């Protein structure tokens, strides 16, 4: 199968050692990978959680059945750093999630899904859409560069800049007010009341754990295995893209 072939290529490359040309070099112009063998219970968030072990995921596409809305068991994923694709292919190809074996491979020429226009016709995207890219946050303080406050990183020439910053400050003030109210709400409770409140909190947490989907349980099991010592392949390959320069 393709999974075994990719594993054999990786093993052969490791035997040749440092200095030998890598088969990954053929795909250095693309930060996309293909992921097959996905369980149908896994969501886009689950897939991002799994693959973010090897880099920042900025785009994910899990094709779904038009009638049922269920995933088709495969998808495409893009990393912020192309070197992360190498780590993902080397370490997650052949991994088992919910009793299914993942197939992870490079994608040389990925085309994003078309969208339906106002006229009902399908058309290509004019600009690349990165649906999983985290919101950019930057430091903001007109009077000091050493300020610890953070605000949205907005273009200084944006005519809406002042308005957006003002809305951000209002939202931040509301959140601070809610936190202060929450801290003061329990200040007069007795030790017995505090124990009862914590007990109820533990019971709610236990119920949430019991109601987790099979997909989420499978993701958590894989993440534990990745972080719990690793296998022979993981011992030989770094998880950090910076180590593959």
Protein backbone atom coordinates (compact mmCIF):
# COMPACT_ATOMS: atom_id res chain seq x y z
CA UNK A 1 0.00 0.00 0.00
CA UNK A 2 0.97 3.66 -0.24
CA UNK A 3 1.48 3.86 3.53
CA UNK A 4 4.05 1.05 3.46
CA UNK A 5 5.80 2.50 0.41
CA UNK A 6 6.25 5.89 2.11
CA UNK A 7 7.56 4.17 5.23
CA UNK A 8 10.06 2.17 3.17
CA UNK A 9 11.31 5.31 1.44
CA UNK A 10 11.79 7.01 4.80
CA UNK A 11 13.66 4.04 6.21
CA UNK A 12 15.89 3.88 3.13
CA UNK A 13 16.67 7.59 3.44
CA UNK A 14 17.68 7.15 7.07
CA UNK A 15 20.01 4.31 6.13
CA UNK A 16 21.76 6.49 3.54
CA UNK A 17 22.44 9.10 6.21
CA UNK A 18 23.04 12.83 6.18
CA UNK A 19 24.14 14.35 2.89
CA UNK A 20 22.07 12.14 0.63
CA UNK A 21 19.41 13.81 -1.50
CA UNK A 22 16.00 13.61 0.16
CA UNK A 23 12.86 12.54 -1.67
CA UNK A 24 11.08 15.33 0.23
CA UNK A 25 12.99 17.94 -1.82
CA UNK A 26 10.69 17.33 -4.76
CA UNK A 27 7.85 18.91 -2.73
CA UNK A 28 9.70 21.85 -1.18
CA UNK A 29 7.52 24.29 -3.13
CA UNK A 30 4.30 23.20 -1.40
CA UNK A 31 3.25 23.41 2.25
CA UNK A 32 0.22 21.15 1.70
CA UNK A 33 -0.13 17.49 2.65
CA UNK A 34 -2.76 14.86 1.90
CA UNK A 35 -4.30 12.93 4.80
CA UNK A 36 -6.21 9.71 4.13
CA UNK A 37 -7.67 7.01 6.34
CA UNK A 38 -9.44 9.49 8.62
CA UNK A 39 -12.25 8.21 10.80
CA UNK A 40 -15.58 9.78 9.88
CA UNK A 41 -16.06 11.05 13.46
CA UNK A 42 -13.01 13.31 13.22
CA UNK A 43 -13.71 17.01 12.69
CA UNK A 44 -11.51 19.73 11.22
CA UNK A 45 -10.59 20.74 14.77
CA UNK A 46 -9.53 17.18 15.61
CA UNK A 47 -7.32 16.98 12.52
CA UNK A 48 -5.71 20.34 13.32
CA UNK A 49 -5.05 19.15 16.87
CA UNK A 50 -3.26 16.04 15.62
CA UNK A 51 -1.13 17.70 12.96
CA UNK A 52 -0.27 20.84 14.93
CA UNK A 53 2.24 18.68 16.83
CA UNK A 54 4.62 19.37 13.96
CA UNK A 55 3.86 23.00 13.09
CA UNK A 56 1.29 25.77 12.75
CA UNK A 57 -1.66 24.68 10.63
CA UNK A 58 -3.09 27.52 8.52
CA UNK A 59 -5.54 25.76 6.20
CA UNK A 60 -7.58 22.55 6.35
CA UNK A 61 -10.07 21.06 3.91
CA UNK A 62 -12.10 17.93 4.71
CA UNK A 63 -14.43 17.21 1.77
CA UNK A 64 -17.95 16.34 2.90
CA UNK A 65 -20.89 14.52 1.36
CA UNK A 66 -23.30 17.11 -0.06
CA UNK A 67 -26.38 15.26 1.23
CA UNK A 68 -25.29 13.91 4.63
CA UNK A 69 -22.64 16.50 5.50
CA UNK A 70 -20.31 13.75 6.74
CA UNK A 71 -16.61 13.77 5.94
CA UNK A 72 -15.32 11.43 3.25
CA UNK A 73 -12.37 10.10 5.24
CA UNK A 74 -9.64 12.22 3.66
CA UNK A 75 -8.53 15.83 3.47
CA UNK A 76 -5.82 18.37 2.78
CA UNK A 77 -3.86 20.45 5.25
CA UNK A 78 -1.42 23.35 4.90
CA UNK A 79 1.37 24.33 7.29
CA UNK A 80 2.75 27.80 7.85
CA UNK A 81 6.27 26.38 7.47
CA UNK A 82 6.84 23.97 4.59
CA UNK A 83 9.39 22.02 6.63
CA UNK A 84 6.56 20.90 8.91
CA UNK A 85 5.20 18.80 6.05
CA UNK A 86 8.33 16.65 6.19
CA UNK A 87 7.88 16.01 9.91
CA UNK A 88 4.20 15.20 9.48
CA UNK A 89 4.83 12.75 6.63
CA UNK A 90 7.71 11.06 8.46
CA UNK A 91 5.97 10.76 11.82
CA UNK A 92 2.22 10.43 11.16
CA UNK A 93 2.11 8.30 8.03
CA UNK A 94 1.02 4.88 9.30
CA UNK A 95 -0.20 6.18 12.69
CA UNK A 96 -3.38 4.57 14.03
CA UNK A 97 -6.32 6.77 15.04
CA UNK A 98 -9.60 5.11 16.07
CA UNK A 99 -8.43 1.78 14.65
CA UNK A 100 -7.75 3.31 11.23
CA UNK A 101 -4.33 3.81 9.68
CA UNK A 102 -3.48 7.30 8.48
CA UNK A 103 -1.93 7.85 5.07
CA UNK A 104 0.05 11.10 5.05
CA UNK A 105 1.81 12.29 1.92
CA UNK A 106 3.03 15.46 0.22
CA UNK A 107 0.91 17.40 -2.28
CA UNK A 108 2.84 19.14 -5.05
CA UNK A 109 0.08 21.20 -6.69
CA UNK A 110 -2.93 21.82 -4.46
CA UNK A 111 -5.97 23.67 -5.81
CA UNK A 112 -8.36 25.15 -3.28
CA UNK A 113 -12.07 24.26 -3.62
CA UNK A 114 -14.13 26.47 -5.91
CA UNK A 115 -16.88 28.67 -4.49
CA UNK A 116 -20.37 29.38 -5.80
CA UNK A 117 -20.82 32.98 -6.92
CA UNK A 118 -23.88 35.20 -6.69
CA UNK A 119 -24.94 34.00 -10.12
CA UNK A 120 -24.90 30.37 -8.97
CA UNK A 121 -21.85 29.49 -11.03
CA UNK A 122 -18.81 27.80 -9.51
CA UNK A 123 -15.61 29.83 -9.76
CA UNK A 124 -11.99 29.75 -8.62
CA UNK A 125 -10.92 31.78 -5.59
CA UNK A 126 -9.19 35.03 -6.54
CA UNK A 127 -7.06 34.92 -3.38
CA UNK A 128 -5.86 32.03 -1.26
CA UNK A 129 -8.14 31.35 1.70
CA UNK A 130 -6.45 30.17 4.92
CA UNK A 131 -9.33 29.07 7.12
CA UNK A 132 -7.21 27.88 10.04
CA UNK A 133 -4.71 30.73 10.27
CA UNK A 134 -4.58 32.18 13.81
CA UNK A 135 -5.54 35.84 14.24
CA UNK A 136 -2.50 38.11 14.19
CA UNK A 137 -1.93 39.81 17.54
CA UNK A 138 0.65 42.52 18.10
CA UNK A 139 1.80 44.95 20.78
CA UNK A 140 0.05 48.30 20.79
CA UNK A 141 0.74 51.48 22.68
CA UNK A 142 1.04 54.83 20.86
CA UNK A 143 3.33 56.21 23.57
CA UNK A 144 5.61 53.34 24.43
CA UNK A 145 7.12 50.35 22.66
CA UNK A 146 7.70 48.56 25.96
CA UNK A 147 3.99 48.31 26.82
CA UNK A 148 2.73 44.84 27.79
CA UNK A 149 -0.76 45.44 26.40
CA UNK A 150 -1.80 43.59 23.24
CA UNK A 151 -4.18 44.70 20.53
CA UNK A 152 -5.16 43.63 17.02
CA UNK A 153 -2.38 44.25 14.52
CA UNK A 154 -4.20 46.76 12.30
CA UNK A 155 -2.71 48.61 9.34
CA UNK A 156 -2.02 52.24 10.41
CA UNK A 157 -3.47 53.42 7.09
CA UNK A 158 -6.76 51.58 7.63
CA UNK A 159 -9.53 54.22 7.91
CA UNK A 160 -11.34 51.94 10.39
CA UNK A 161 -8.28 51.60 12.64
CA UNK A 162 -9.37 53.97 15.42
CA UNK A 163 -12.87 52.52 15.49
CA UNK A 164 -11.62 48.91 15.65
CA UNK A 165 -9.15 49.72 18.43
CA UNK A 166 -11.86 51.46 20.42
CA UNK A 167 -14.15 48.42 20.09
CA UNK A 168 -11.28 46.18 21.17
CA UNK A 169 -10.66 48.32 24.28
CA UNK A 170 -14.37 48.18 25.16
CA UNK A 171 -14.46 44.39 24.87
CA UNK A 172 -11.29 44.08 26.94
CA UNK A 173 -12.78 46.30 29.67
CA UNK A 174 -15.93 44.15 29.76
CA UNK A 175 -13.87 40.98 30.17
CA UNK A 176 -11.87 42.52 33.01
CA UNK A 177 -15.09 43.54 34.72
CA UNK A 178 -16.50 40.02 34.46
CA UNK A 179 -13.33 38.53 35.96
CA UNK A 180 -13.44 40.95 38.88
CA UNK A 181 -17.10 40.12 39.50
CA UNK A 182 -16.35 36.40 39.41
CA UNK A 183 -13.54 36.74 41.96
CA UNK A 184 -15.72 38.74 44.36
CA UNK A 185 -18.75 36.48 44.03
CA UNK A 186 -17.36 33.75 46.32
CA UNK A 187 -15.52 35.92 48.85
CA UNK A 188 -18.16 35.47 51.61
CA UNK A 189 -18.75 31.74 51.26
CA UNK A 190 -18.01 29.38 54.16
CA UNK A 191 -15.46 26.51 53.94
CA UNK A 192 -18.37 24.07 53.61
CA UNK A 193 -19.92 26.03 50.77
CA UNK A 194 -16.57 26.20 49.03
CA UNK A 195 -16.18 22.40 49.25
CA UNK A 196 -19.67 21.89 47.82
CA UNK A 197 -19.00 24.29 44.95
CA UNK A 198 -15.75 22.51 44.06
CA UNK A 199 -17.50 19.16 44.29
CA UNK A 200 -20.17 20.29 41.82
CA UNK A 201 -17.44 21.57 39.52
CA UNK A 202 -15.67 18.18 39.60
CA UNK A 203 -18.93 16.38 38.85
CA UNK A 204 -19.58 18.60 35.82
CA UNK A 205 -16.07 17.94 34.55
CA UNK A 206 -16.56 14.19 34.96
CA UNK A 207 -19.79 14.36 32.93
CA UNK A 208 -18.03 16.24 30.15
CA UNK A 209 -15.26 13.64 30.05
CA UNK A 210 -17.82 10.83 29.86
CA UNK A 211 -19.67 12.49 26.98
CA UNK A 212 -16.63 12.97 24.73
CA UNK A 213 -17.05 11.74 21.18
CA UNK A 214 -15.15 8.72 19.96
CA UNK A 215 -13.31 11.01 17.56
CA UNK A 216 -12.01 13.25 20.34
CA UNK A 217 -10.98 10.24 22.42
CA UNK A 218 -9.00 8.90 19.48
CA UNK A 219 -7.24 12.24 19.00
CA UNK A 220 -6.30 12.42 22.67
CA UNK A 221 -4.97 8.85 22.62
CA UNK A 222 -2.75 9.63 19.63
CA UNK A 223 -1.44 12.84 21.22
CA UNK A 224 -0.57 10.94 24.41
CA UNK A 225 1.37 8.40 22.39
CA UNK A 226 3.25 11.13 20.53
CA UNK A 227 4.23 12.86 23.74
CA UNK A 228 4.95 9.80 25.80
CA UNK A 229 8.40 8.80 24.63
CA UNK A 230 7.81 8.32 20.91
CA UNK A 231 8.70 5.44 18.66
CA UNK A 232 11.89 4.59 16.84
CA UNK A 233 11.13 6.89 13.91
CA UNK A 234 10.38 9.80 16.20
CA UNK A 235 13.63 9.25 18.05
CA UNK A 236 15.50 9.73 14.80
CA UNK A 237 13.66 12.80 13.58
CA UNK A 238 13.26 16.18 15.27
CA UNK A 239 9.77 17.56 15.87
CA UNK A 240 10.89 21.14 15.34
CA UNK A 241 11.06 22.52 11.77
CA UNK A 242 13.96 24.73 12.86
CA UNK A 243 16.13 21.66 13.30
CA UNK A 244 15.85 20.76 9.58
CA UNK A 245 17.57 23.81 8.13
